[in-house]
Full PDB file with SEQRES, HELIX, SHEET, SSBOND, CRYST1, ORIGX, SCALE, CONECT and MASTER records, all heavy atoms in Angstrom:
SEQRES   1 A   42  SER GLY GLU LYS ILE ARG ARG GLY THR VAL ALA SER GLY          
SEQRES   2 A   42  ASP THR PHE ILE ALA ASP THR GLU LEU LYS LYS PHE LEU          
SEQRES   3 A   42  ASN SER HIS PHE GLY ALA VAL CYS GLY GLU MET GLU GLY          
SEQRES   4 A   42  ALA ALA ILE                                                  
HELIX    1 AA1 THR A   20  PHE A   30  1                                  11    
SHEET    1 AA1 2 THR A   9  SER A  12  0                                        
SHEET    2 AA1 2 ALA A  32  GLU A  36  1                                        
CRYST1    1.000    1.000    1.000  90.00  90.00  90.00 P 1           1          
ORIGX1      1.000000  0.000000  0.000000        0.00000                         
ORIGX2      0.000000  1.000000  0.000000        0.00000                         
ORIGX3      0.000000  0.000000  1.000000        0.00000                         
SCALE1      1.000000  0.000000  0.000000        0.00000                         
SCALE2      0.000000  1.000000  0.000000        0.00000                         
SCALE3      0.000000  0.000000  1.000000        0.00000                         
ATOM      1  N   SER A   1     169.604  73.972 148.004  1.00  0.00           N  
ATOM      2  CA  SER A   1     168.181  73.824 147.678  1.00  0.00           C  
ATOM      3  C   SER A   1     167.484  72.846 148.621  1.00  0.00           C  
ATOM      4  O   SER A   1     166.291  72.570 148.453  1.00  0.00           O  
ATOM      5  CB  SER A   1     168.024  73.339 146.231  1.00  0.00           C  
ATOM      6  OG  SER A   1     168.603  74.253 145.323  1.00  0.00           O  
ATOM      7  N   GLY A   2     168.241  72.321 149.587  1.00  0.00           N  
ATOM      8  CA  GLY A   2     167.663  71.406 150.567  1.00  0.00           C  
ATOM      9  C   GLY A   2     167.634  69.957 150.143  1.00  0.00           C  
ATOM     10  O   GLY A   2     166.966  69.132 150.801  1.00  0.00           O  
ATOM     11  N   GLU A   3     168.364  69.620 149.084  1.00  0.00           N  
ATOM     12  CA  GLU A   3     168.368  68.241 148.604  1.00  0.00           C  
ATOM     13  C   GLU A   3     169.437  67.413 149.311  1.00  0.00           C  
ATOM     14  O   GLU A   3     170.496  67.919 149.687  1.00  0.00           O  
ATOM     15  CB  GLU A   3     168.629  68.196 147.095  1.00  0.00           C  
ATOM     16  CG  GLU A   3     167.645  68.985 146.249  1.00  0.00           C  
ATOM     17  CD  GLU A   3     166.250  68.401 146.250  1.00  0.00           C  
ATOM     18  OE1 GLU A   3     166.056  67.281 146.777  1.00  0.00           O  
ATOM     19  OE2 GLU A   3     165.344  69.076 145.740  1.00  0.00           O  
ATOM     20  N   LYS A   4     169.151  66.128 149.483  1.00  0.00           N  
ATOM     21  CA  LYS A   4     170.161  65.195 149.960  1.00  0.00           C  
ATOM     22  C   LYS A   4     170.928  64.688 148.743  1.00  0.00           C  
ATOM     23  O   LYS A   4     170.319  64.149 147.812  1.00  0.00           O  
ATOM     24  CB  LYS A   4     169.548  64.021 150.710  1.00  0.00           C  
ATOM     25  CG  LYS A   4     170.594  63.044 151.237  1.00  0.00           C  
ATOM     26  CD  LYS A   4     169.981  61.866 151.954  1.00  0.00           C  
ATOM     27  CE  LYS A   4     171.077  60.893 152.395  1.00  0.00           C  
ATOM     28  NZ  LYS A   4     170.513  59.684 153.055  1.00  0.00           N  
ATOM     29  N   ILE A   5     172.235  64.868 148.737  1.00  0.00           N  
ATOM     30  CA  ILE A   5     173.013  64.492 147.560  1.00  0.00           C  
ATOM     31  C   ILE A   5     173.981  63.368 147.875  1.00  0.00           C  
ATOM     32  O   ILE A   5     174.317  63.106 149.035  1.00  0.00           O  
ATOM     33  CB  ILE A   5     173.783  65.689 146.962  1.00  0.00           C  
ATOM     34  CG1 ILE A   5     175.042  66.011 147.794  1.00  0.00           C  
ATOM     35  CG2 ILE A   5     172.903  66.903 146.818  1.00  0.00           C  
ATOM     36  CD1 ILE A   5     176.068  66.795 147.029  1.00  0.00           C  
ATOM     37  N   ARG A   6     174.411  62.714 146.812  1.00  0.00           N  
ATOM     38  CA  ARG A   6     175.455  61.688 146.890  1.00  0.00           C  
ATOM     39  C   ARG A   6     176.390  61.900 145.721  1.00  0.00           C  
ATOM     40  O   ARG A   6     175.946  62.083 144.586  1.00  0.00           O  
ATOM     41  CB  ARG A   6     174.822  60.302 146.833  1.00  0.00           C  
ATOM     42  CG  ARG A   6     175.796  59.145 146.958  1.00  0.00           C  
ATOM     43  CD  ARG A   6     176.375  59.032 148.355  1.00  0.00           C  
ATOM     44  NE  ARG A   6     176.695  57.663 148.699  1.00  0.00           N  
ATOM     45  CZ  ARG A   6     177.826  57.031 148.336  1.00  0.00           C  
ATOM     46  NH1 ARG A   6     178.720  57.674 147.611  1.00  0.00           N  
ATOM     47  NH2 ARG A   6     178.028  55.785 148.687  1.00  0.00           N  
ATOM     48  N   ARG A   7     177.684  61.921 145.981  1.00  0.00           N  
ATOM     49  CA  ARG A   7     178.690  61.950 144.915  1.00  0.00           C  
ATOM     50  C   ARG A   7     179.195  60.527 144.710  1.00  0.00           C  
ATOM     51  O   ARG A   7     179.230  59.725 145.644  1.00  0.00           O  
ATOM     52  CB  ARG A   7     179.850  62.866 145.307  1.00  0.00           C  
ATOM     53  CG  ARG A   7     179.484  64.289 145.672  1.00  0.00           C  
ATOM     54  CD  ARG A   7     179.147  65.142 144.496  1.00  0.00           C  
ATOM     55  NE  ARG A   7     180.265  65.416 143.629  1.00  0.00           N  
ATOM     56  CZ  ARG A   7     181.031  66.507 143.717  1.00  0.00           C  
ATOM     57  NH1 ARG A   7     180.803  67.411 144.651  1.00  0.00           N  
ATOM     58  NH2 ARG A   7     182.015  66.702 142.860  1.00  0.00           N  
ATOM     59  N   GLY A   8     179.638  60.204 143.492  1.00  0.00           N  
ATOM     60  CA  GLY A   8     180.188  58.877 143.263  1.00  0.00           C  
ATOM     61  C   GLY A   8     180.118  58.484 141.804  1.00  0.00           C  
ATOM     62  O   GLY A   8     179.943  59.321 140.915  1.00  0.00           O  
ATOM     63  N   THR A   9     180.248  57.195 141.558  1.00  0.00           N  
ATOM     64  CA  THR A   9     180.249  56.649 140.203  1.00  0.00           C  
ATOM     65  C   THR A   9     178.828  56.421 139.706  1.00  0.00           C  
ATOM     66  O   THR A   9     178.005  55.815 140.401  1.00  0.00           O  
ATOM     67  CB  THR A   9     181.020  55.315 140.151  1.00  0.00           C  
ATOM     68  OG1 THR A   9     182.382  55.545 140.524  1.00  0.00           O  
ATOM     69  CG2 THR A   9     180.974  54.706 138.754  1.00  0.00           C  
ATOM     70  N   VAL A  10     178.540  56.904 138.504  1.00  0.00           N  
ATOM     71  CA  VAL A  10     177.282  56.620 137.823  1.00  0.00           C  
ATOM     72  C   VAL A  10     177.574  55.611 136.713  1.00  0.00           C  
ATOM     73  O   VAL A  10     178.463  55.833 135.885  1.00  0.00           O  
ATOM     74  CB  VAL A  10     176.650  57.901 137.254  1.00  0.00           C  
ATOM     75  CG1 VAL A  10     175.454  57.564 136.355  1.00  0.00           C  
ATOM     76  CG2 VAL A  10     176.220  58.833 138.388  1.00  0.00           C  
ATOM     77  N   ALA A  11     176.839  54.508 136.724  1.00  0.00           N  
ATOM     78  CA  ALA A  11     177.063  53.422 135.764  1.00  0.00           C  
ATOM     79  C   ALA A  11     175.995  53.441 134.681  1.00  0.00           C  
ATOM     80  O   ALA A  11     174.796  53.502 134.977  1.00  0.00           O  
ATOM     81  CB  ALA A  11     177.050  52.078 136.484  1.00  0.00           C  
ATOM     82  N   SER A  12     176.433  53.385 133.416  1.00  0.00           N  
ATOM     83  CA  SER A  12     175.512  53.433 132.281  1.00  0.00           C  
ATOM     84  C   SER A  12     175.555  52.123 131.499  1.00  0.00           C  
ATOM     85  O   SER A  12     176.612  51.519 131.326  1.00  0.00           O  
ATOM     86  CB  SER A  12     175.893  54.577 131.328  1.00  0.00           C  
ATOM     87  OG  SER A  12     175.923  55.814 131.996  1.00  0.00           O  
ATOM     88  N   GLY A  13     174.386  51.725 131.008  1.00  0.00           N  
ATOM     89  CA  GLY A  13     174.294  50.551 130.152  1.00  0.00           C  
ATOM     90  C   GLY A  13     172.949  50.525 129.463  1.00  0.00           C  
ATOM     91  O   GLY A  13     172.015  51.227 129.875  1.00  0.00           O  
ATOM     92  N   ASP A  14     172.828  49.724 128.431  1.00  0.00           N  
ATOM     93  CA  ASP A  14     171.579  49.678 127.661  1.00  0.00           C  
ATOM     94  C   ASP A  14     170.585  48.700 128.281  1.00  0.00           C  
ATOM     95  O   ASP A  14     170.034  47.826 127.608  1.00  0.00           O  
ATOM     96  CB  ASP A  14     171.878  49.309 126.206  1.00  0.00           C  
ATOM     97  CG  ASP A  14     172.453  50.481 125.430  1.00  0.00           C  
ATOM     98  OD1 ASP A  14     172.003  51.618 125.668  1.00  0.00           O  
ATOM     99  OD2 ASP A  14     173.365  50.275 124.612  1.00  0.00           O  
ATOM    100  N   THR A  15     170.347  48.869 129.573  1.00  0.00           N  
ATOM    101  CA  THR A  15     169.400  48.044 130.313  1.00  0.00           C  
ATOM    102  C   THR A  15     168.684  48.909 131.337  1.00  0.00           C  
ATOM    103  O   THR A  15     169.331  49.692 132.041  1.00  0.00           O  
ATOM    104  CB  THR A  15     170.125  46.906 131.062  1.00  0.00           C  
ATOM    105  OG1 THR A  15     170.805  46.061 130.122  1.00  0.00           O  
ATOM    106  CG2 THR A  15     169.148  46.058 131.869  1.00  0.00           C  
ATOM    107  N   PHE A  16     167.374  48.787 131.418  1.00  0.00           N  
ATOM    108  CA  PHE A  16     166.641  49.380 132.531  1.00  0.00           C  
ATOM    109  C   PHE A  16     166.852  48.466 133.725  1.00  0.00           C  
ATOM    110  O   PHE A  16     166.395  47.322 133.736  1.00  0.00           O  
ATOM    111  CB  PHE A  16     165.155  49.517 132.205  1.00  0.00           C  
ATOM    112  CG  PHE A  16     164.337  50.115 133.330  1.00  0.00           C  
ATOM    113  CD1 PHE A  16     164.247  51.492 133.469  1.00  0.00           C  
ATOM    114  CD2 PHE A  16     163.693  49.302 134.250  1.00  0.00           C  
ATOM    115  CE1 PHE A  16     163.510  52.049 134.508  1.00  0.00           C  
ATOM    116  CE2 PHE A  16     162.962  49.847 135.289  1.00  0.00           C  
ATOM    117  CZ  PHE A  16     162.866  51.229 135.421  1.00  0.00           C  
ATOM    118  N   ILE A  17     167.556  48.952 134.718  1.00  0.00           N  
ATOM    119  CA  ILE A  17     167.960  48.101 135.839  1.00  0.00           C  
ATOM    120  C   ILE A  17     166.778  47.877 136.769  1.00  0.00           C  
ATOM    121  O   ILE A  17     166.247  48.810 137.366  1.00  0.00           O  
ATOM    122  CB  ILE A  17     169.136  48.732 136.606  1.00  0.00           C  
ATOM    123  CG1 ILE A  17     170.329  48.933 135.664  1.00  0.00           C  
ATOM    124  CG2 ILE A  17     169.533  47.863 137.797  1.00  0.00           C  
ATOM    125  CD1 ILE A  17     171.448  49.768 136.262  1.00  0.00           C  
ATOM    126  N   ALA A  18     166.361  46.622 136.880  1.00  0.00           N  
ATOM    127  CA  ALA A  18     165.256  46.241 137.756  1.00  0.00           C  
ATOM    128  C   ALA A  18     165.544  44.853 138.311  1.00  0.00           C  
ATOM    129  O   ALA A  18     164.703  43.950 138.272  1.00  0.00           O  
ATOM    130  CB  ALA A  18     163.930  46.268 137.003  1.00  0.00           C  
ATOM    131  N   ASP A  19     166.758  44.680 138.823  1.00  0.00           N  
ATOM    132  CA  ASP A  19     167.248  43.373 139.242  1.00  0.00           C  
ATOM    133  C   ASP A  19     168.195  43.555 140.421  1.00  0.00           C  
ATOM    134  O   ASP A  19     169.237  44.188 140.279  1.00  0.00           O  
ATOM    135  CB  ASP A  19     167.966  42.720 138.061  1.00  0.00           C  
ATOM    136  CG  ASP A  19     168.456  41.310 138.361  1.00  0.00           C  
ATOM    137  OD1 ASP A  19     169.151  41.119 139.368  1.00  0.00           O  
ATOM    138  OD2 ASP A  19     168.166  40.406 137.565  1.00  0.00           O  
ATOM    139  N   THR A  20     167.834  43.012 141.563  1.00  0.00           N  
ATOM    140  CA  THR A  20     168.642  43.196 142.769  1.00  0.00           C  
ATOM    141  C   THR A  20     170.053  42.653 142.605  1.00  0.00           C  
ATOM    142  O   THR A  20     171.023  43.268 143.078  1.00  0.00           O  
ATOM    143  CB  THR A  20     167.958  42.520 143.971  1.00  0.00           C  
ATOM    144  OG1 THR A  20     166.684  43.133 144.183  1.00  0.00           O  
ATOM    145  CG2 THR A  20     168.789  42.673 145.246  1.00  0.00           C  
ATOM    146  N   GLU A  21     170.196  41.523 141.922  1.00  0.00           N  
ATOM    147  CA  GLU A  21     171.531  40.935 141.750  1.00  0.00           C  
ATOM    148  C   GLU A  21     172.412  41.817 140.867  1.00  0.00           C  
ATOM    149  O   GLU A  21     173.600  42.007 141.149  1.00  0.00           O  
ATOM    150  CB  GLU A  21     171.425  39.519 141.167  1.00  0.00           C  
ATOM    151  CG  GLU A  21     170.824  38.508 142.123  1.00  0.00           C  
ATOM    152  CD  GLU A  21     171.557  38.478 143.462  1.00  0.00           C  
ATOM    153  OE1 GLU A  21     172.808  38.390 143.458  1.00  0.00           O  
ATOM    154  OE2 GLU A  21     170.884  38.570 144.505  1.00  0.00           O  
ATOM    155  N   LEU A  22     171.838  42.365 139.796  1.00  0.00           N  
ATOM    156  CA  LEU A  22     172.604  43.285 138.941  1.00  0.00           C  
ATOM    157  C   LEU A  22     172.961  44.542 139.726  1.00  0.00           C  
ATOM    158  O   LEU A  22     174.092  45.036 139.636  1.00  0.00           O  
ATOM    159  CB  LEU A  22     171.796  43.649 137.698  1.00  0.00           C  
ATOM    160  CG  LEU A  22     172.431  44.671 136.746  1.00  0.00           C  
ATOM    161  CD1 LEU A  22     173.795  44.205 136.263  1.00  0.00           C  
ATOM    162  CD2 LEU A  22     171.501  44.968 135.571  1.00  0.00           C  
ATOM    163  N   LYS A  23     172.023  45.047 140.495  1.00  0.00           N  
ATOM    164  CA  LYS A  23     172.273  46.224 141.326  1.00  0.00           C  
ATOM    165  C   LYS A  23     173.447  45.975 142.272  1.00  0.00           C  
ATOM    166  O   LYS A  23     174.361  46.803 142.376  1.00  0.00           O  
ATOM    167  CB  LYS A  23     171.010  46.560 142.119  1.00  0.00           C  
ATOM    168  CG  LYS A  23     171.173  47.661 143.148  1.00  0.00           C  
ATOM    169  CD  LYS A  23     169.848  47.954 143.854  1.00  0.00           C  
ATOM    170  CE  LYS A  23     170.025  49.000 144.951  1.00  0.00           C  
ATOM    171  NZ  LYS A  23     168.724  49.411 145.526  1.00  0.00           N  
ATOM    172  N   LYS A  24     173.453  44.834 142.948  1.00  0.00           N  
ATOM    173  CA  LYS A  24     174.537  44.507 143.874  1.00  0.00           C  
ATOM    174  C   LYS A  24     175.868  44.376 143.137  1.00  0.00           C  
ATOM    175  O   LYS A  24     176.909  44.820 143.628  1.00  0.00           O  
ATOM    176  CB  LYS A  24     174.222  43.205 144.613  1.00  0.00           C  
ATOM    177  CG  LYS A  24     173.103  43.319 145.625  1.00  0.00           C  
ATOM    178  CD  LYS A  24     172.847  41.980 146.302  1.00  0.00           C  
ATOM    179  CE  LYS A  24     171.745  42.083 147.350  1.00  0.00           C  
ATOM    180  NZ  LYS A  24     171.456  40.760 147.966  1.00  0.00           N  
ATOM    181  N   PHE A  25     175.841  43.766 141.951  1.00  0.00           N  
ATOM    182  CA  PHE A  25     177.066  43.600 141.168  1.00  0.00           C  
ATOM    183  C   PHE A  25     177.653  44.953 140.767  1.00  0.00           C  
ATOM    184  O   PHE A  25     178.862  45.184 140.895  1.00  0.00           O  
ATOM    185  CB  PHE A  25     176.789  42.772 139.918  1.00  0.00           C  
ATOM    186  CG  PHE A  25     177.942  42.752 138.940  1.00  0.00           C  
ATOM    187  CD1 PHE A  25     179.065  41.989 139.187  1.00  0.00           C  
ATOM    188  CD2 PHE A  25     177.905  43.535 137.787  1.00  0.00           C  
ATOM    189  CE1 PHE A  25     180.142  41.993 138.301  1.00  0.00           C  
ATOM    190  CE2 PHE A  25     178.964  43.543 136.896  1.00  0.00           C  
ATOM    191  CZ  PHE A  25     180.090  42.765 137.163  1.00  0.00           C  
ATOM    192  N   LEU A  26     176.819  45.849 140.291  1.00  0.00           N  
ATOM    193  CA  LEU A  26     177.313  47.153 139.843  1.00  0.00           C  
ATOM    194  C   LEU A  26     177.882  47.959 141.003  1.00  0.00           C  
ATOM    195  O   LEU A  26     178.862  48.684 140.840  1.00  0.00           O  
ATOM    196  CB  LEU A  26     176.192  47.930 139.145  1.00  0.00           C  
ATOM    197  CG  LEU A  26     175.656  47.293 137.859  1.00  0.00           C  
ATOM    198  CD1 LEU A  26     174.519  48.129 137.289  1.00  0.00           C  
ATOM    199  CD2 LEU A  26     176.751  47.115 136.833  1.00  0.00           C  
ATOM    200  N   ASN A  27     177.283  47.810 142.166  1.00  0.00           N  
ATOM    201  CA  ASN A  27     177.797  48.508 143.341  1.00  0.00           C  
ATOM    202  C   ASN A  27     179.110  47.910 143.820  1.00  0.00           C  
ATOM    203  O   ASN A  27     180.070  48.629 144.118  1.00  0.00           O  
ATOM    204  CB  ASN A  27     176.766  48.480 144.471  1.00  0.00           C  
ATOM    205  CG  ASN A  27     177.261  49.188 145.716  1.00  0.00           C  
ATOM    206  OD1 ASN A  27     177.676  48.544 146.675  1.00  0.00           O  
ATOM    207  ND2 ASN A  27     177.227  50.513 145.709  1.00  0.00           N  
ATOM    208  N   SER A  28     179.190  46.586 143.851  1.00  0.00           N  
ATOM    209  CA  SER A  28     180.404  45.942 144.377  1.00  0.00           C  
ATOM    210  C   SER A  28     181.554  45.986 143.377  1.00  0.00           C  
ATOM    211  O   SER A  28     182.707  46.217 143.749  1.00  0.00           O  
ATOM    212  CB  SER A  28     180.108  44.489 144.763  1.00  0.00           C  
ATOM    213  OG  SER A  28     179.698  43.736 143.629  1.00  0.00           O  
ATOM    214  N   HIS A  29     181.264  45.819 142.083  1.00  0.00           N  
ATOM    215  CA  HIS A  29     182.327  45.732 141.079  1.00  0.00           C  
ATOM    216  C   HIS A  29     182.836  47.114 140.661  1.00  0.00           C  
ATOM    217  O   HIS A  29     184.046  47.314 140.517  1.00  0.00           O  
ATOM    218  CB  HIS A  29     181.828  44.984 139.847  1.00  0.00           C  
ATOM    219  CG  HIS A  29     182.911  44.669 138.859  1.00  0.00           C  
ATOM    220  ND1 HIS A  29     183.754  43.584 138.994  1.00  0.00           N  
ATOM    221  CD2 HIS A  29     183.310  45.312 137.734  1.00  0.00           C  
ATOM    222  CE1 HIS A  29     184.620  43.576 137.990  1.00  0.00           C  
ATOM    223  NE2 HIS A  29     184.369  44.609 137.208  1.00  0.00           N  
ATOM    224  N   PHE A  30     181.924  48.056 140.458  1.00  0.00           N  
ATOM    225  CA  PHE A  30     182.309  49.390 139.978  1.00  0.00           C  
ATOM    226  C   PHE A  30     182.237  50.457 141.071  1.00  0.00           C  
ATOM    227  O   PHE A  30     182.645  51.597 140.841  1.00  0.00           O  
ATOM    228  CB  PHE A  30     181.419  49.818 138.815  1.00  0.00           C  
ATOM    229  CG  PHE A  30     181.567  48.976 137.573  1.00  0.00           C  
ATOM    230  CD1 PHE A  30     180.624  48.006 137.264  1.00  0.00           C  
ATOM    231  CD2 PHE A  30     182.643  49.152 136.720  1.00  0.00           C  
ATOM    232  CE1 PHE A  30     180.753  47.225 136.119  1.00  0.00           C  
ATOM    233  CE2 PHE A  30     182.777  48.381 135.563  1.00  0.00           C  
ATOM    234  CZ  PHE A  30     181.833  47.410 135.271  1.00  0.00           C  
ATOM    235  N   GLY A  31     181.686  50.113 142.219  1.00  0.00           N  
ATOM    236  CA  GLY A  31     181.467  51.124 143.251  1.00  0.00           C  
ATOM    237  C   GLY A  31     180.399  52.121 142.848  1.00  0.00           C  
ATOM    238  O   GLY A  31     180.368  53.247 143.351  1.00  0.00           O  
ATOM    239  N   ALA A  32     179.503  51.724 141.951  1.00  0.00           N  
ATOM    240  CA  ALA A  32     178.497  52.635 141.421  1.00  0.00           C  
ATOM    241  C   ALA A  32     177.395  52.885 142.439  1.00  0.00           C  
ATOM    242  O   ALA A  32     176.955  51.969 143.139  1.00  0.00           O  
ATOM    243  CB  ALA A  32     177.902  52.085 140.126  1.00  0.00           C  
ATOM    244  N   VAL A  33     176.928  54.131 142.497  1.00  0.00           N  
ATOM    245  CA  VAL A  33     175.846  54.504 143.416  1.00  0.00           C  
ATOM    246  C   VAL A  33     174.550  54.810 142.674  1.00  0.00           C  
ATOM    247  O   VAL A  33     173.496  54.940 143.286  1.00  0.00           O  
ATOM    248  CB  VAL A  33     176.253  55.704 144.292  1.00  0.00           C  
ATOM    249  CG1 VAL A  33     177.473  55.360 145.129  1.00  0.00           C  
ATOM    250  CG2 VAL A  33     176.509  56.964 143.459  1.00  0.00           C  
ATOM    251  N   CYS A  34     174.622  54.927 141.354  1.00  0.00           N  
ATOM    252  CA  CYS A  34     173.450  55.262 140.544  1.00  0.00           C  
ATOM    253  C   CYS A  34     173.601  54.630 139.167  1.00  0.00           C  
ATOM    254  O   CYS A  34     174.716  54.548 138.633  1.00  0.00           O  
ATOM    255  CB  CYS A  34     173.317  56.781 140.420  1.00  0.00           C  
ATOM    256  SG  CYS A  34     171.918  57.355 139.425  1.00  0.00           S  
ATOM    257  N   GLY A  35     172.484  54.174 138.620  1.00  0.00           N  
ATOM    258  CA  GLY A  35     172.504  53.569 137.293  1.00  0.00           C  
ATOM    259  C   GLY A  35     171.546  54.263 136.349  1.00  0.00           C  
ATOM    260  O   GLY A  35     170.484  54.755 136.761  1.00  0.00           O  
ATOM    261  N   GLU A  36     171.912  54.300 135.069  1.00  0.00           N  
ATOM    262  CA  GLU A  36     171.075  54.895 134.026  1.00  0.00           C  
ATOM    263  C   GLU A  36     171.571  54.423 132.674  1.00  0.00           C  
ATOM    264  O   GLU A  36     172.315  53.441 132.605  1.00  0.00           O  
ATOM    265  CB  GLU A  36     171.028  56.424 134.157  1.00  0.00           C  
ATOM    266  CG  GLU A  36     172.323  57.085 134.606  1.00  0.00           C  
ATOM    267  CD  GLU A  36     173.258  57.379 133.459  1.00  0.00           C  
ATOM    268  OE1 GLU A  36     173.629  56.453 132.722  1.00  0.00           O  
ATOM    269  OE2 GLU A  36     173.627  58.547 133.305  1.00  0.00           O  
ATOM    270  N   MET A  37     171.185  55.115 131.586  1.00  0.00           N  
ATOM    271  CA  MET A  37     171.435  54.586 130.244  1.00  0.00           C  
ATOM    272  C   MET A  37     172.163  55.540 129.302  1.00  0.00           C  
ATOM    273  O   MET A  37     172.325  55.212 128.129  1.00  0.00           O  
ATOM    274  CB  MET A  37     170.099  54.166 129.608  1.00  0.00           C  
ATOM    275  CG  MET A  37     169.346  53.102 130.384  1.00  0.00           C  
ATOM    276  SD  MET A  37     167.730  52.670 129.682  1.00  0.00           S  
ATOM    277  CE  MET A  37     168.214  51.875 128.151  1.00  0.00           C  
ATOM    278  N   GLU A  38     172.634  56.700 129.790  1.00  0.00           N  
ATOM    279  CA  GLU A  38     173.224  57.676 128.871  1.00  0.00           C  
ATOM    280  C   GLU A  38     174.512  58.340 129.349  1.00  0.00           C  
ATOM    281  O   GLU A  38     175.370  58.684 128.520  1.00  0.00           O  
ATOM    282  CB  GLU A  38     172.206  58.802 128.574  1.00  0.00           C  
ATOM    283  CG  GLU A  38     170.936  58.374 127.896  1.00  0.00           C  
ATOM    284  CD  GLU A  38     169.882  57.863 128.861  1.00  0.00           C  
ATOM    285  OE1 GLU A  38     169.892  58.302 130.038  1.00  0.00           O  
ATOM    286  OE2 GLU A  38     169.059  57.025 128.458  1.00  0.00           O  
ATOM    287  N   GLY A  39     174.654  58.598 130.622  1.00  0.00           N  
ATOM    288  CA  GLY A  39     175.703  59.481 131.124  1.00  0.00           C  
ATOM    289  C   GLY A  39     177.112  59.130 130.687  1.00  0.00           C  
ATOM    290  O   GLY A  39     177.896  60.006 130.294  1.00  0.00           O  
ATOM    291  N   ALA A  40     177.470  57.847 130.761  1.00  0.00           N  
ATOM    292  CA  ALA A  40     178.835  57.458 130.408  1.00  0.00           C  
ATOM    293  C   ALA A  40     179.087  57.552 128.911  1.00  0.00           C  
ATOM    294  O   ALA A  40     180.217  57.802 128.478  1.00  0.00           O  
ATOM    295  CB  ALA A  40     179.135  56.051 130.907  1.00  0.00           C  
ATOM    296  N   ALA A  41     178.048  57.351 128.099  1.00  0.00           N  
ATOM    297  CA  ALA A  41     178.207  57.526 126.649  1.00  0.00           C  
ATOM    298  C   ALA A  41     178.440  58.993 126.321  1.00  0.00           C  
ATOM    299  O   ALA A  41     179.282  59.339 125.477  1.00  0.00           O  
ATOM    300  CB  ALA A  41     176.978  57.003 125.919  1.00  0.00           C  
ATOM    301  N   ILE A  42     177.701  59.878 126.992  1.00  0.00           N  
ATOM    302  CA  ILE A  42     177.913  61.317 126.815  1.00  0.00           C  
ATOM    303  C   ILE A  42     179.309  61.698 127.290  1.00  0.00           C  
ATOM    304  O   ILE A  42     180.035  62.449 126.625  1.00  0.00           O  
ATOM    305  CB  ILE A  42     176.823  62.100 127.571  1.00  0.00           C  
ATOM    306  CG1 ILE A  42     175.474  61.903 126.866  1.00  0.00           C  
ATOM    307  CG2 ILE A  42     177.173  63.596 127.676  1.00  0.00           C  
ATOM    308  CD1 ILE A  42     174.278  62.392 127.644  1.00  0.00           C  
TER     309      ILE A  42                                                      
MASTER        0    0    0    1    2    0    0    6  308    1    0    4          
END                                                                             
């Protein structure tokens, strides 16, 4: 469909992520490339 995709770890938590330090932590600690609030619970 012409989209640029990324495969990897999606990290879920009950927080709307809007913090550079949290973003860096989730990437370095879990190798996460995307954050949201439901996927891992599902």
